Amino acid sequence: MNTNRMPHFNYQLENPQFGYIGCVYMDGKIIHKIDNIDDSYLEFGYTEKMMEAGVLPEEYIWMTYIQNATCNFAVCLQICIIKYLGKNSAQYGQQCECLLDDYLKKKQSKKVGRVRFEA
C-alpha cells in the first residue's frame, strides 16, 4: 500500500461463491475478509435502532454515503473503511491507523481541503 496518498478501498458483502461474509478490496484485489458483518456496519454508523425500524444496512450505507445528492460522502465512506481495517485487519491495520492519524492531523491544521484517493 502506497502511504504517500490515501488509498481507495471498496467493500463487497457476502459472496457465496467465494465463501465469505464480505470483503474489503483495493485495486481489484481482496485485502481483507469480513468475519463479522455487524461490526463493519457499526463503523458506517448503522445502529440497532435502525435495524428495529426496518432500515436495511445496505440501504442506509447507499443513501448516506453513495447516493446522497446534497453532499459527496466518498471521503467519509473511505474513512469508515479505514477505521474498520484499523481495528480488524492484521495485515493493514497499522497502516490504516497511520493513514487516519495523518489525515486527522492535516485536517486539524486546516491543510486538508479535499483528500485525493488512489484510483
N, C-alpha and C. Protein backbone atom coordinates (compact mmCIF):
# COMPACT_ATOMS: atom_id res chain seq x y z
N MET A 1 0.85 -1.17 0.00
CA MET A 1 0.00 0.00 0.00
C MET A 1 0.89 1.23 0.00
N ASN A 2 0.64 2.15 -0.93
CA ASN A 2 1.37 3.40 -1.02
C ASN A 2 0.88 4.32 0.10
N THR A 3 1.77 4.70 0.99
CA THR A 3 1.35 5.53 2.12
C THR A 3 1.50 7.02 1.84
N ASN A 4 1.94 7.40 0.64
CA ASN A 4 2.06 8.82 0.30
C ASN A 4 0.70 9.44 -0.03
N ARG A 5 -0.20 8.62 -0.50
CA ARG A 5 -1.55 9.09 -0.80
C ARG A 5 -2.55 8.16 -0.14
N MET A 6 -3.73 8.70 0.12
CA MET A 6 -4.79 7.89 0.71
C MET A 6 -5.23 6.84 -0.32
N PRO A 7 -5.23 5.56 0.05
CA PRO A 7 -5.67 4.53 -0.90
C PRO A 7 -7.18 4.58 -1.08
N HIS A 8 -7.63 3.96 -2.14
CA HIS A 8 -9.07 3.89 -2.40
C HIS A 8 -9.53 2.46 -2.15
N PHE A 9 -10.38 2.29 -1.14
CA PHE A 9 -10.91 0.98 -0.77
C PHE A 9 -12.35 0.86 -1.23
N ASN A 10 -12.76 -0.37 -1.48
CA ASN A 10 -14.16 -0.71 -1.73
C ASN A 10 -14.50 -1.89 -0.85
N TYR A 11 -15.77 -2.14 -0.71
CA TYR A 11 -16.18 -3.32 0.05
C TYR A 11 -17.30 -4.02 -0.70
N GLN A 12 -17.45 -5.28 -0.40
CA GLN A 12 -18.49 -6.10 -1.01
C GLN A 12 -19.05 -7.00 0.07
N LEU A 13 -20.35 -7.18 0.04
CA LEU A 13 -20.97 -8.07 1.01
C LEU A 13 -20.82 -9.52 0.58
N GLU A 14 -21.54 -10.36 1.25
CA GLU A 14 -21.45 -11.81 1.10
C GLU A 14 -21.36 -12.26 -0.37
N ASN A 15 -20.46 -13.18 -0.58
CA ASN A 15 -20.31 -13.80 -1.89
C ASN A 15 -20.21 -15.30 -1.68
N PRO A 16 -21.33 -16.02 -1.79
CA PRO A 16 -21.33 -17.46 -1.52
C PRO A 16 -20.34 -18.23 -2.40
N GLN A 17 -20.08 -17.71 -3.59
CA GLN A 17 -19.14 -18.36 -4.49
C GLN A 17 -17.75 -18.47 -3.87
N PHE A 18 -17.35 -17.45 -3.11
CA PHE A 18 -16.03 -17.45 -2.50
C PHE A 18 -16.05 -17.83 -1.03
N GLY A 19 -17.23 -17.98 -0.44
CA GLY A 19 -17.36 -18.49 0.91
C GLY A 19 -17.00 -17.53 2.02
N TYR A 20 -17.25 -16.24 1.84
CA TYR A 20 -17.01 -15.30 2.92
C TYR A 20 -18.22 -14.39 3.09
N ILE A 21 -18.30 -13.77 4.25
CA ILE A 21 -19.42 -12.88 4.56
C ILE A 21 -19.32 -11.58 3.78
N GLY A 22 -18.13 -11.03 3.71
CA GLY A 22 -17.89 -9.80 2.98
C GLY A 22 -16.39 -9.58 2.87
N CYS A 23 -16.01 -8.56 2.12
CA CYS A 23 -14.58 -8.29 1.96
C CYS A 23 -14.34 -6.81 1.69
N VAL A 24 -13.10 -6.41 1.91
CA VAL A 24 -12.63 -5.10 1.53
C VAL A 24 -11.59 -5.35 0.45
N TYR A 25 -11.67 -4.57 -0.61
CA TYR A 25 -10.69 -4.76 -1.66
C TYR A 25 -10.10 -3.44 -2.12
N MET A 26 -8.92 -3.53 -2.70
CA MET A 26 -8.18 -2.38 -3.19
C MET A 26 -7.54 -2.80 -4.50
N ASP A 27 -7.64 -1.97 -5.51
CA ASP A 27 -7.09 -2.27 -6.83
C ASP A 27 -7.60 -3.60 -7.37
N GLY A 28 -8.86 -3.92 -7.08
CA GLY A 28 -9.48 -5.13 -7.58
C GLY A 28 -9.08 -6.41 -6.87
N LYS A 29 -8.27 -6.30 -5.81
CA LYS A 29 -7.82 -7.47 -5.07
C LYS A 29 -8.38 -7.44 -3.65
N ILE A 30 -8.82 -8.60 -3.19
CA ILE A 30 -9.31 -8.70 -1.82
C ILE A 30 -8.13 -8.56 -0.87
N ILE A 31 -8.25 -7.60 0.07
CA ILE A 31 -7.18 -7.42 1.06
C ILE A 31 -7.63 -7.81 2.46
N HIS A 32 -8.95 -7.98 2.64
CA HIS A 32 -9.45 -8.34 3.97
C HIS A 32 -10.82 -9.01 3.83
N LYS A 33 -10.98 -10.14 4.48
CA LYS A 33 -12.28 -10.80 4.51
C LYS A 33 -12.98 -10.42 5.81
N ILE A 34 -14.23 -9.99 5.69
CA ILE A 34 -15.01 -9.55 6.84
C ILE A 34 -15.62 -10.79 7.51
N ASP A 35 -15.27 -10.99 8.76
CA ASP A 35 -15.78 -12.14 9.51
C ASP A 35 -17.10 -11.83 10.21
N ASN A 36 -17.27 -10.59 10.65
CA ASN A 36 -18.47 -10.20 11.38
C ASN A 36 -19.06 -8.97 10.69
N ILE A 37 -20.09 -9.17 9.90
CA ILE A 37 -20.67 -8.08 9.12
C ILE A 37 -21.28 -7.01 10.01
N ASP A 38 -21.77 -7.40 11.20
CA ASP A 38 -22.36 -6.41 12.11
C ASP A 38 -21.32 -5.40 12.58
N ASP A 39 -20.10 -5.85 12.85
CA ASP A 39 -19.03 -4.93 13.24
C ASP A 39 -18.74 -3.93 12.13
N SER A 40 -18.75 -4.41 10.90
CA SER A 40 -18.46 -3.49 9.80
C SER A 40 -19.58 -2.46 9.65
N TYR A 41 -20.83 -2.88 9.84
CA TYR A 41 -21.94 -1.93 9.75
C TYR A 41 -21.85 -0.85 10.83
N LEU A 42 -21.38 -1.22 12.02
CA LEU A 42 -21.23 -0.24 13.09
C LEU A 42 -20.27 0.87 12.69
N GLU A 43 -19.22 0.54 11.96
CA GLU A 43 -18.26 1.56 11.52
C GLU A 43 -18.89 2.56 10.56
N PHE A 44 -19.92 2.13 9.86
CA PHE A 44 -20.61 3.03 8.93
C PHE A 44 -21.69 3.85 9.62
N GLY A 45 -21.93 3.58 10.91
CA GLY A 45 -22.92 4.33 11.66
C GLY A 45 -24.28 3.68 11.76
N TYR A 46 -24.40 2.47 11.26
CA TYR A 46 -25.67 1.74 11.33
C TYR A 46 -25.87 1.26 12.76
N THR A 47 -27.09 1.44 13.27
CA THR A 47 -27.35 1.10 14.67
C THR A 47 -28.46 0.07 14.81
N GLU A 48 -28.59 -0.48 16.01
CA GLU A 48 -29.67 -1.43 16.30
C GLU A 48 -31.03 -0.76 16.17
N LYS A 49 -31.12 0.51 16.54
CA LYS A 49 -32.40 1.23 16.41
C LYS A 49 -32.83 1.30 14.95
N MET A 50 -31.85 1.48 14.04
CA MET A 50 -32.18 1.49 12.62
C MET A 50 -32.70 0.12 12.19
N MET A 51 -32.04 -0.92 12.70
CA MET A 51 -32.45 -2.27 12.37
C MET A 51 -33.88 -2.52 12.85
N GLU A 52 -34.17 -2.11 14.09
CA GLU A 52 -35.51 -2.28 14.66
C GLU A 52 -36.55 -1.51 13.87
N ALA A 53 -36.15 -0.39 13.29
CA ALA A 53 -37.08 0.42 12.49
C ALA A 53 -37.26 -0.12 11.08
N GLY A 54 -36.52 -1.18 10.75
CA GLY A 54 -36.68 -1.80 9.44
C GLY A 54 -35.76 -1.26 8.36
N VAL A 55 -34.79 -0.44 8.74
CA VAL A 55 -33.84 0.08 7.76
C VAL A 55 -32.78 -0.99 7.51
N LEU A 56 -32.60 -1.34 6.26
CA LEU A 56 -31.59 -2.33 5.91
C LEU A 56 -30.21 -1.69 5.90
N PRO A 57 -29.18 -2.39 6.37
CA PRO A 57 -27.84 -1.81 6.44
C PRO A 57 -27.33 -1.28 5.10
N GLU A 58 -27.50 -2.07 4.04
CA GLU A 58 -27.01 -1.64 2.74
C GLU A 58 -27.77 -0.43 2.22
N GLU A 59 -29.05 -0.38 2.53
CA GLU A 59 -29.87 0.77 2.15
C GLU A 59 -29.36 2.02 2.86
N TYR A 60 -29.07 1.91 4.15
CA TYR A 60 -28.53 3.03 4.92
C TYR A 60 -27.19 3.50 4.35
N ILE A 61 -26.29 2.57 4.08
CA ILE A 61 -24.97 2.93 3.55
C ILE A 61 -25.12 3.58 2.18
N TRP A 62 -25.97 3.01 1.34
CA TRP A 62 -26.17 3.57 0.00
C TRP A 62 -26.70 5.00 0.08
N MET A 63 -27.73 5.21 0.87
CA MET A 63 -28.35 6.54 0.96
C MET A 63 -27.44 7.56 1.66
N THR A 64 -26.67 7.13 2.65
CA THR A 64 -25.85 8.04 3.42
C THR A 64 -24.54 8.40 2.72
N TYR A 65 -23.88 7.41 2.13
CA TYR A 65 -22.55 7.64 1.61
C TYR A 65 -22.44 7.68 0.10
N ILE A 66 -23.32 7.01 -0.60
CA ILE A 66 -23.13 6.86 -2.04
C ILE A 66 -24.13 7.69 -2.84
N GLN A 67 -25.39 7.62 -2.50
CA GLN A 67 -26.45 8.23 -3.29
C GLN A 67 -26.84 9.63 -2.80
N ASN A 68 -26.27 10.11 -1.74
CA ASN A 68 -26.64 11.39 -1.16
C ASN A 68 -26.34 12.53 -2.15
N ALA A 69 -27.38 13.17 -2.67
CA ALA A 69 -27.22 14.20 -3.70
C ALA A 69 -26.79 15.54 -3.13
N THR A 70 -26.98 15.78 -1.84
CA THR A 70 -26.64 17.08 -1.27
C THR A 70 -25.15 17.20 -0.97
N CYS A 71 -24.48 16.10 -0.74
CA CYS A 71 -23.05 16.11 -0.43
C CYS A 71 -22.40 14.88 -1.05
N ASN A 72 -21.10 14.96 -1.25
CA ASN A 72 -20.36 13.80 -1.70
C ASN A 72 -19.67 13.20 -0.48
N PHE A 73 -20.15 12.07 -0.04
CA PHE A 73 -19.61 11.46 1.17
C PHE A 73 -18.59 10.38 0.87
N ALA A 74 -17.96 10.44 -0.32
CA ALA A 74 -16.95 9.43 -0.67
C ALA A 74 -15.82 9.40 0.34
N VAL A 75 -15.40 10.57 0.81
CA VAL A 75 -14.32 10.63 1.80
C VAL A 75 -14.76 9.96 3.09
N CYS A 76 -15.98 10.23 3.53
CA CYS A 76 -16.49 9.62 4.76
C CYS A 76 -16.57 8.10 4.62
N LEU A 77 -16.98 7.63 3.46
CA LEU A 77 -17.05 6.18 3.22
C LEU A 77 -15.65 5.58 3.34
N GLN A 78 -14.66 6.23 2.75
CA GLN A 78 -13.29 5.74 2.82
C GLN A 78 -12.78 5.72 4.26
N ILE A 79 -13.09 6.77 5.01
CA ILE A 79 -12.66 6.84 6.41
C ILE A 79 -13.30 5.72 7.22
N CYS A 80 -14.57 5.42 6.96
CA CYS A 80 -15.23 4.31 7.67
C CYS A 80 -14.53 2.98 7.38
N ILE A 81 -14.17 2.76 6.13
CA ILE A 81 -13.48 1.52 5.77
C ILE A 81 -12.11 1.48 6.41
N ILE A 82 -11.40 2.61 6.42
CA ILE A 82 -10.07 2.67 7.04
C ILE A 82 -10.16 2.41 8.54
N LYS A 83 -11.17 2.99 9.20
CA LYS A 83 -11.36 2.75 10.63
C LYS A 83 -11.64 1.27 10.89
N TYR A 84 -12.47 0.67 10.05
CA TYR A 84 -12.77 -0.76 10.20
C TYR A 84 -11.49 -1.58 10.04
N LEU A 85 -10.72 -1.31 9.00
CA LEU A 85 -9.48 -2.06 8.78
C LEU A 85 -8.49 -1.84 9.92
N GLY A 86 -8.45 -0.62 10.44
CA GLY A 86 -7.55 -0.34 11.57
C GLY A 86 -7.84 -1.21 12.77
N LYS A 87 -9.09 -1.54 12.97
CA LYS A 87 -9.49 -2.37 14.11
C LYS A 87 -9.49 -3.87 13.81
N ASN A 88 -9.64 -4.24 12.54
CA ASN A 88 -9.91 -5.64 12.22
C ASN A 88 -8.94 -6.32 11.27
N SER A 89 -7.98 -5.61 10.71
CA SER A 89 -7.07 -6.23 9.75
C SER A 89 -5.67 -6.36 10.33
N ALA A 90 -5.22 -7.59 10.47
CA ALA A 90 -3.85 -7.82 10.97
C ALA A 90 -2.82 -7.31 9.98
N GLN A 91 -3.12 -7.43 8.69
CA GLN A 91 -2.14 -7.06 7.66
C GLN A 91 -2.09 -5.55 7.43
N TYR A 92 -3.24 -4.89 7.40
CA TYR A 92 -3.29 -3.47 7.05
C TYR A 92 -3.68 -2.55 8.21
N GLY A 93 -3.99 -3.12 9.36
CA GLY A 93 -4.48 -2.33 10.48
C GLY A 93 -3.57 -1.19 10.88
N GLN A 94 -2.29 -1.48 11.06
CA GLN A 94 -1.33 -0.45 11.49
C GLN A 94 -1.20 0.65 10.44
N GLN A 95 -1.12 0.27 9.18
CA GLN A 95 -1.01 1.27 8.10
C GLN A 95 -2.25 2.14 8.05
N CYS A 96 -3.42 1.54 8.24
CA CYS A 96 -4.66 2.30 8.21
C CYS A 96 -4.75 3.27 9.38
N GLU A 97 -4.31 2.83 10.54
CA GLU A 97 -4.28 3.74 11.70
C GLU A 97 -3.37 4.93 11.42
N CYS A 98 -2.23 4.70 10.79
CA CYS A 98 -1.30 5.78 10.44
C CYS A 98 -1.93 6.72 9.42
N LEU A 99 -2.60 6.17 8.41
CA LEU A 99 -3.27 6.99 7.40
C LEU A 99 -4.33 7.88 8.05
N LEU A 100 -5.11 7.29 8.93
CA LEU A 100 -6.17 8.04 9.59
C LEU A 100 -5.60 9.12 10.50
N ASP A 101 -4.57 8.79 11.27
CA ASP A 101 -3.93 9.79 12.13
C ASP A 101 -3.37 10.94 11.32
N ASP A 102 -2.71 10.62 10.20
CA ASP A 102 -2.13 11.64 9.34
C ASP A 102 -3.22 12.54 8.75
N TYR A 103 -4.30 11.93 8.29
CA TYR A 103 -5.41 12.70 7.74
C TYR A 103 -5.99 13.65 8.80
N LEU A 104 -6.22 13.13 10.00
CA LEU A 104 -6.82 13.95 11.05
C LEU A 104 -5.90 15.10 11.47
N LYS A 105 -4.59 14.85 11.51
CA LYS A 105 -3.64 15.92 11.84
C LYS A 105 -3.66 17.01 10.78
N LYS A 106 -3.67 16.61 9.51
CA LYS A 106 -3.71 17.59 8.43
C LYS A 106 -5.02 18.35 8.44
N LYS A 107 -6.10 17.66 8.69
CA LYS A 107 -7.41 18.31 8.72
C LYS A 107 -7.46 19.32 9.86
N GLN A 108 -6.92 18.92 11.01
CA GLN A 108 -6.93 19.81 12.17
C GLN A 108 -6.10 21.06 11.91
N SER A 109 -5.02 20.93 11.17
CA SER A 109 -4.19 22.09 10.87
C SER A 109 -4.73 22.84 9.65
N LYS A 110 -5.88 22.40 9.13
CA LYS A 110 -6.60 23.02 8.01
C LYS A 110 -5.80 22.99 6.72
N LYS A 111 -4.95 21.99 6.58
CA LYS A 111 -4.19 21.82 5.35
C LYS A 111 -4.89 20.87 4.39
N VAL A 112 -5.96 20.25 4.85
CA VAL A 112 -6.68 19.31 4.01
C VAL A 112 -8.00 19.94 3.60
N GLY A 113 -8.17 20.11 2.32
CA GLY A 113 -9.46 20.56 1.81
C GLY A 113 -10.17 19.37 1.24
N ARG A 114 -9.56 18.79 0.25
CA ARG A 114 -10.10 17.59 -0.35
C ARG A 114 -9.01 16.52 -0.30
N VAL A 115 -9.39 15.33 0.00
CA VAL A 115 -8.45 14.23 0.06
C VAL A 115 -8.41 13.58 -1.31
N ARG A 116 -7.21 13.31 -1.79
CA ARG A 116 -7.04 12.65 -3.08
C ARG A 116 -6.84 11.17 -2.86
N PHE A 117 -7.67 10.36 -3.48
CA PHE A 117 -7.60 8.93 -3.33
C PHE A 117 -6.95 8.30 -4.55
N GLU A 118 -6.22 7.23 -4.33
CA GLU A 118 -5.66 6.49 -5.45
C GLU A 118 -6.79 5.86 -6.24
N ALA A 119 -6.63 5.82 -7.53
CA ALA A 119 -7.65 5.18 -8.37
C ALA A 119 -7.41 3.69 -8.46
